[in-house]
């Protein structure tokens, strides 16, 4: 019996055609968005911490971008901060 391929399975490594016709790899960059609401100081929760740590451990990205309206605060943020690159968003 032959097994059919899963419809959402992609062939790795993912690539897209470049402008010169060559195949270019999609960069391994993880993006998070945080602190866009206007209600008080944005505290970095355990769920936020777990999401970033999971991405770092499982995906092993080249870079993690944290797009923020206001920089998070808290002990867990201080643990994650050295591992992410901040990009300030205009809100």
N, C-alpha and C. Protein backbone atom coordinates (compact mmCIF):
# COMPACT_ATOMS: atom_id res chain seq x y z
N UNK A 1 0.84 -1.18 0.00
CA UNK A 1 0.00 0.00 0.00
C UNK A 1 0.89 1.24 0.00
N UNK A 2 0.62 2.18 -0.90
CA UNK A 2 1.43 3.39 -1.04
C UNK A 2 0.82 4.53 -0.23
N UNK A 3 1.67 5.24 0.54
CA UNK A 3 1.21 6.35 1.37
C UNK A 3 1.26 7.65 0.57
N UNK A 4 0.18 8.41 0.62
CA UNK A 4 0.14 9.70 -0.07
C UNK A 4 0.84 10.76 0.77
N UNK A 5 1.50 11.72 0.14
CA UNK A 5 2.17 12.78 0.90
C UNK A 5 1.16 13.68 1.59
N UNK A 6 1.55 14.19 2.74
CA UNK A 6 0.70 15.12 3.48
C UNK A 6 0.58 16.41 2.68
N UNK A 7 -0.63 16.99 2.54
CA UNK A 7 -0.80 18.19 1.70
C UNK A 7 -0.05 19.42 2.21
N UNK A 8 0.30 19.48 3.51
CA UNK A 8 0.97 20.66 4.05
C UNK A 8 2.47 20.45 4.21
N UNK A 9 2.96 19.28 3.88
CA UNK A 9 4.39 19.00 4.05
C UNK A 9 5.19 19.70 2.95
N UNK A 10 6.20 20.38 3.34
CA UNK A 10 7.05 21.09 2.37
C UNK A 10 8.37 20.34 2.23
N UNK A 11 8.97 20.48 1.11
CA UNK A 11 10.29 19.91 0.89
C UNK A 11 11.32 20.89 1.46
N UNK A 12 12.20 20.40 2.29
CA UNK A 12 13.21 21.25 2.89
C UNK A 12 14.54 21.09 2.18
N UNK A 13 15.37 22.07 2.07
CA UNK A 13 15.17 23.42 2.57
C UNK A 13 14.25 24.23 1.66
N UNK A 14 13.44 25.06 2.29
CA UNK A 14 12.55 25.93 1.53
C UNK A 14 13.38 26.94 0.74
N UNK A 15 12.98 27.22 -0.46
CA UNK A 15 13.72 28.18 -1.28
C UNK A 15 12.76 28.89 -2.22
N UNK A 16 13.17 30.03 -2.72
CA UNK A 16 12.37 30.77 -3.69
C UNK A 16 13.30 31.28 -4.78
N UNK A 17 12.77 31.50 -5.97
CA UNK A 17 13.65 31.96 -7.05
C UNK A 17 14.16 33.36 -6.76
N UNK A 18 15.44 33.58 -6.97
CA UNK A 18 16.03 34.90 -6.79
C UNK A 18 15.85 35.73 -8.04
N UNK A 19 16.22 36.99 -7.99
CA UNK A 19 16.06 37.88 -9.14
C UNK A 19 16.97 37.47 -10.30
N UNK A 20 18.05 36.75 -9.98
CA UNK A 20 18.95 36.32 -11.05
C UNK A 20 18.62 34.91 -11.55
N UNK A 21 17.50 34.38 -11.12
CA UNK A 21 17.08 33.05 -11.55
C UNK A 21 17.61 31.93 -10.66
N UNK A 22 18.55 32.24 -9.78
CA UNK A 22 19.08 31.24 -8.86
C UNK A 22 18.09 31.02 -7.72
N UNK A 23 18.26 29.93 -7.02
CA UNK A 23 17.40 29.66 -5.88
C UNK A 23 18.06 30.19 -4.62
N UNK A 24 17.32 30.97 -3.86
CA UNK A 24 17.83 31.56 -2.62
C UNK A 24 17.07 30.97 -1.44
N UNK A 25 17.78 30.66 -0.36
CA UNK A 25 17.13 30.11 0.83
C UNK A 25 16.37 31.20 1.57
N UNK A 26 15.26 30.80 2.17
CA UNK A 26 14.49 31.70 3.02
C UNK A 26 15.25 31.85 4.33
N UNK A 27 15.51 33.08 4.79
CA UNK A 27 16.30 33.26 6.01
C UNK A 27 15.57 32.70 7.24
N UNK A 28 16.35 32.13 8.16
CA UNK A 28 15.78 31.58 9.39
C UNK A 28 15.70 32.68 10.44
N UNK A 29 14.67 33.51 10.31
CA UNK A 29 14.44 34.61 11.24
C UNK A 29 13.06 34.42 11.84
N UNK A 30 12.98 34.49 13.17
CA UNK A 30 11.70 34.38 13.87
C UNK A 30 11.29 35.79 14.29
N UNK A 31 10.02 36.13 14.08
CA UNK A 31 9.51 37.46 14.43
C UNK A 31 8.45 37.33 15.52
N UNK A 32 8.55 38.18 16.53
CA UNK A 32 7.53 38.31 17.56
C UNK A 32 7.10 39.77 17.61
N UNK A 33 5.85 40.01 17.97
CA UNK A 33 5.31 41.37 18.12
C UNK A 33 4.84 41.50 19.56
N UNK A 34 5.22 42.60 20.21
CA UNK A 34 4.90 42.74 21.63
C UNK A 34 4.74 44.21 22.00
N UNK A 35 3.87 44.48 22.98
CA UNK A 35 3.76 45.81 23.58
C UNK A 35 3.15 46.88 22.71
N UNK A 36 2.12 46.54 21.94
CA UNK A 36 1.49 47.54 21.07
C UNK A 36 0.28 48.22 21.73
N UNK A 37 -0.20 47.66 22.85
CA UNK A 37 -1.34 48.28 23.52
C UNK A 37 -0.89 49.46 24.37
N UNK A 38 -1.80 50.37 24.62
CA UNK A 38 -1.47 51.60 25.35
C UNK A 38 -1.79 51.54 26.84
N UNK A 39 -2.11 50.36 27.37
CA UNK A 39 -2.55 50.27 28.77
C UNK A 39 -1.42 49.82 29.70
N UNK A 40 -0.69 50.77 30.22
CA UNK A 40 0.34 50.47 31.21
C UNK A 40 1.63 49.91 30.63
N UNK A 41 2.51 49.49 31.52
CA UNK A 41 3.82 48.98 31.15
C UNK A 41 3.69 47.51 30.69
N UNK A 42 4.22 47.14 29.56
CA UNK A 42 4.07 45.78 29.04
C UNK A 42 4.99 44.79 29.76
N UNK A 43 4.40 43.97 30.65
CA UNK A 43 5.16 42.97 31.40
C UNK A 43 5.31 41.72 30.55
N UNK A 44 6.52 41.21 30.47
CA UNK A 44 6.83 40.00 29.71
C UNK A 44 6.44 38.80 30.56
N UNK A 45 5.38 38.09 30.16
CA UNK A 45 4.83 36.99 30.96
C UNK A 45 5.57 35.68 30.71
N UNK A 46 5.22 34.67 31.50
CA UNK A 46 5.81 33.35 31.32
C UNK A 46 5.45 32.77 29.96
N UNK A 47 4.24 33.02 29.48
CA UNK A 47 3.83 32.53 28.16
C UNK A 47 4.71 33.16 27.07
N UNK A 48 4.98 34.45 27.17
CA UNK A 48 5.89 35.12 26.22
C UNK A 48 7.28 34.51 26.29
N UNK A 49 7.77 34.31 27.50
CA UNK A 49 9.09 33.72 27.72
C UNK A 49 9.17 32.32 27.10
N UNK A 50 8.14 31.50 27.35
CA UNK A 50 8.12 30.13 26.82
C UNK A 50 8.09 30.13 25.29
N UNK A 51 7.36 31.07 24.69
CA UNK A 51 7.28 31.14 23.22
C UNK A 51 8.64 31.45 22.62
N UNK A 52 9.35 32.41 23.18
CA UNK A 52 10.67 32.78 22.65
C UNK A 52 11.66 31.65 22.88
N UNK A 53 11.68 31.07 24.07
CA UNK A 53 12.60 29.97 24.36
C UNK A 53 12.33 28.76 23.48
N UNK A 54 11.06 28.46 23.23
CA UNK A 54 10.71 27.34 22.35
C UNK A 54 11.21 27.59 20.93
N UNK A 55 11.02 28.80 20.45
CA UNK A 55 11.49 29.14 19.10
C UNK A 55 13.00 28.99 19.01
N UNK A 56 13.71 29.45 20.02
CA UNK A 56 15.17 29.34 20.02
C UNK A 56 15.63 27.89 20.05
N UNK A 57 14.97 27.07 20.87
CA UNK A 57 15.38 25.68 21.03
C UNK A 57 14.99 24.79 19.86
N UNK A 58 13.78 24.97 19.35
CA UNK A 58 13.25 24.06 18.32
C UNK A 58 13.64 24.52 16.92
N UNK A 59 13.46 25.80 16.62
CA UNK A 59 13.70 26.29 15.26
C UNK A 59 15.17 26.62 15.00
N UNK A 60 15.93 26.90 16.05
CA UNK A 60 17.34 27.27 15.94
C UNK A 60 17.55 28.35 14.86
N UNK A 61 16.87 29.50 15.04
CA UNK A 61 16.96 30.56 14.02
C UNK A 61 18.31 31.26 14.03
N UNK A 62 18.61 31.91 12.92
CA UNK A 62 19.81 32.75 12.84
C UNK A 62 19.62 34.00 13.69
N UNK A 63 18.37 34.45 13.79
CA UNK A 63 18.08 35.68 14.53
C UNK A 63 16.62 35.65 14.96
N UNK A 64 16.34 36.26 16.14
CA UNK A 64 14.98 36.44 16.63
C UNK A 64 14.73 37.94 16.72
N UNK A 65 13.73 38.41 15.99
CA UNK A 65 13.37 39.82 15.99
C UNK A 65 12.16 40.02 16.92
N UNK A 66 12.25 40.98 17.82
CA UNK A 66 11.14 41.32 18.70
C UNK A 66 10.69 42.72 18.31
N UNK A 67 9.56 42.82 17.61
CA UNK A 67 9.01 44.10 17.18
C UNK A 67 8.16 44.63 18.34
N UNK A 68 8.54 45.76 18.90
CA UNK A 68 7.88 46.27 20.10
C UNK A 68 7.40 47.70 19.91
N UNK A 69 6.26 47.99 20.51
CA UNK A 69 5.79 49.37 20.60
C UNK A 69 6.48 50.04 21.78
N UNK A 70 6.53 49.31 22.88
CA UNK A 70 7.27 49.72 24.08
C UNK A 70 8.04 48.49 24.57
N UNK A 71 9.25 48.69 25.00
CA UNK A 71 10.07 47.56 25.43
C UNK A 71 9.45 46.89 26.66
N UNK A 72 9.40 45.55 26.64
CA UNK A 72 8.84 44.82 27.79
C UNK A 72 9.67 45.03 29.05
N UNK A 73 9.06 44.70 30.18
CA UNK A 73 9.75 44.78 31.46
C UNK A 73 9.56 43.46 32.19
N UNK A 74 10.40 43.24 33.18
CA UNK A 74 10.27 42.06 34.04
C UNK A 74 11.49 41.16 33.99
N UNK A 75 11.57 40.29 34.99
CA UNK A 75 12.68 39.36 35.14
C UNK A 75 12.83 38.45 33.94
N UNK A 76 11.71 37.91 33.43
CA UNK A 76 11.78 37.00 32.29
C UNK A 76 12.25 37.71 31.03
N UNK A 77 11.89 38.98 30.89
CA UNK A 77 12.37 39.74 29.74
C UNK A 77 13.89 39.91 29.81
N UNK A 78 14.41 40.16 30.99
CA UNK A 78 15.86 40.33 31.15
C UNK A 78 16.61 39.04 30.78
N UNK A 79 15.99 37.88 30.98
CA UNK A 79 16.61 36.61 30.59
C UNK A 79 16.63 36.42 29.08
N UNK A 80 15.57 36.88 28.40
CA UNK A 80 15.42 36.69 26.96
C UNK A 80 16.14 37.78 26.16
N UNK A 81 16.21 38.97 26.70
CA UNK A 81 16.71 40.15 25.97
C UNK A 81 18.04 39.94 25.25
N UNK A 82 19.03 39.26 25.83
CA UNK A 82 20.30 39.09 25.11
C UNK A 82 20.20 38.21 23.86
N UNK A 83 19.09 37.49 23.72
CA UNK A 83 18.93 36.54 22.62
C UNK A 83 18.05 37.05 21.49
N UNK A 84 17.54 38.28 21.63
CA UNK A 84 16.66 38.84 20.60
C UNK A 84 17.19 40.18 20.11
N UNK A 85 16.76 40.57 18.94
CA UNK A 85 17.09 41.88 18.39
C UNK A 85 15.82 42.73 18.41
N UNK A 86 15.89 43.87 19.07
CA UNK A 86 14.72 44.76 19.17
C UNK A 86 14.53 45.58 17.91
N UNK A 87 13.28 45.70 17.49
CA UNK A 87 12.90 46.59 16.39
C UNK A 87 11.71 47.39 16.89
N UNK A 88 11.90 48.68 17.09
CA UNK A 88 10.83 49.52 17.64
C UNK A 88 9.82 49.86 16.55
N UNK A 89 8.55 49.58 16.86
CA UNK A 89 7.45 49.87 15.94
C UNK A 89 6.79 51.17 16.34
N UNK A 90 6.33 51.91 15.37
CA UNK A 90 5.62 53.16 15.65
C UNK A 90 4.15 52.82 15.90
N UNK A 91 3.63 53.30 17.04
CA UNK A 91 2.22 53.04 17.35
C UNK A 91 1.49 54.34 17.56
